[in-house]
Amino acid sequence: MAHHQSTIKRIRQTVKRTERNRYYRTRLKNIVKAVRVAAEANDKVAAQEAFKIANKQIHKMVSRGFLKKATAARKVSRLNRLVNKIAA
């Protein structure tokens, strides 16, 4: 067990940060999965709606510092390509 105040605080911060990161990581996976599932089902309308939500949420994660700008752009681009590939 830690004895220094600074070490105790670092442990508290790490636990908080880990929980926050786990939430965002899971959220990101679920958002992307929703778009992919709709695309695999060839449901263009559902895929477009899911993509709209995904785009907004992914960019919100960038502004909060969870994702880098380039990573978000890559993910959005790939999802967009997937949605546009669906036959109307």
Protein backbone atom coordinates (compact mmCIF):
# COMPACT_ATOMS: atom_id res chain seq x y z
CA MET A 1 0.00 0.00 0.00
CA ALA A 2 1.18 3.48 -0.84
CA HIS A 3 2.36 5.72 1.99
CA HIS A 4 2.96 9.07 0.29
CA GLN A 5 0.10 11.46 -0.30
CA SER A 6 1.18 12.01 -3.91
CA THR A 7 1.21 8.27 -4.58
CA ILE A 8 -2.24 7.84 -3.06
CA LYS A 9 -3.54 10.66 -5.27
CA ARG A 10 -1.91 9.15 -8.37
CA ILE A 11 -3.65 5.84 -7.65
CA ARG A 12 -7.02 7.63 -7.35
CA GLN A 13 -6.41 9.47 -10.61
CA THR A 14 -5.36 6.30 -12.42
CA VAL A 15 -8.51 4.47 -11.32
CA LYS A 16 -10.71 7.36 -12.51
CA ARG A 17 -8.88 7.65 -15.82
CA THR A 18 -9.02 3.89 -16.41
CA GLU A 19 -12.79 3.82 -15.85
CA ARG A 20 -13.29 6.79 -18.18
CA ASN A 21 -11.11 5.27 -20.89
CA ARG A 22 -12.90 1.93 -20.63
CA TYR A 23 -16.24 3.68 -21.07
CA TYR A 24 -15.11 5.56 -24.19
CA ARG A 25 -13.35 2.52 -25.68
CA THR A 26 -16.49 0.39 -25.27
CA ARG A 27 -18.71 3.20 -26.58
CA LEU A 28 -16.52 3.58 -29.66
CA LYS A 29 -16.62 -0.16 -30.41
CA ASN A 30 -20.41 -0.25 -30.07
CA ILE A 31 -20.87 2.79 -32.31
CA VAL A 32 -18.70 1.32 -35.05
CA LYS A 33 -20.35 -2.07 -34.68
CA ALA A 34 -23.81 -0.55 -35.16
CA VAL A 35 -22.75 0.91 -38.51
CA ARG A 36 -21.09 -2.33 -39.63
CA VAL A 37 -24.09 -4.48 -38.66
CA ALA A 38 -26.47 -2.21 -40.57
CA ALA A 39 -24.13 -2.25 -43.59
CA GLU A 40 -23.86 -6.05 -43.56
CA ALA A 41 -27.65 -6.28 -43.50
CA ASN A 42 -27.71 -4.04 -46.61
CA ASP A 43 -30.00 -1.61 -44.80
CA LYS A 44 -28.88 1.70 -46.30
CA VAL A 45 -31.23 3.91 -44.25
CA ALA A 46 -30.25 2.33 -40.92
CA ALA A 47 -26.57 2.43 -41.89
CA GLN A 48 -26.79 6.13 -42.76
CA GLU A 49 -28.52 6.92 -39.46
CA ALA A 50 -25.95 4.90 -37.51
CA PHE A 51 -23.15 6.61 -39.44
CA LYS A 52 -24.54 10.05 -38.63
CA ILE A 53 -24.51 9.20 -34.92
CA ALA A 54 -21.06 7.61 -35.18
CA ASN A 55 -19.59 10.64 -36.95
CA LYS A 56 -20.84 13.01 -34.26
CA GLN A 57 -19.74 10.82 -31.36
CA ILE A 58 -16.28 10.10 -32.80
CA HIS A 59 -15.61 13.80 -33.31
CA LYS A 60 -16.85 14.51 -29.80
CA MET A 61 -14.25 12.02 -28.52
CA VAL A 62 -11.58 14.02 -30.37
CA SER A 63 -12.64 17.24 -28.67
CA ARG A 64 -12.48 15.52 -25.30
CA GLY A 65 -8.99 14.25 -26.01
CA PHE A 66 -9.79 10.55 -26.14
CA LEU A 67 -8.92 10.11 -29.82
CA LYS A 68 -6.39 11.82 -32.03
CA LYS A 69 -7.73 13.81 -34.95
CA ALA A 70 -6.16 11.54 -37.58
CA THR A 71 -7.50 8.37 -35.93
CA ALA A 72 -11.00 9.79 -35.89
CA ALA A 73 -10.73 10.89 -39.51
CA ARG A 74 -9.55 7.41 -40.53
CA LYS A 75 -12.40 5.69 -38.69
CA VAL A 76 -15.03 8.05 -40.09
CA SER A 77 -13.62 7.69 -43.60
CA ARG A 78 -13.72 3.91 -43.48
CA LEU A 79 -17.25 3.86 -42.12
CA ASN A 80 -18.36 6.35 -44.77
CA ARG A 81 -16.88 4.18 -47.52
CA LEU A 82 -18.69 1.17 -46.09
CA VAL A 83 -22.03 2.96 -46.01
CA ASN A 84 -21.61 4.35 -49.54
CA LYS A 85 -20.84 0.86 -50.86
CA ILE A 86 -24.32 -0.40 -49.94
CA ALA A 87 -26.54 -0.80 -53.01
CA ALA A 88 -29.58 1.43 -52.82
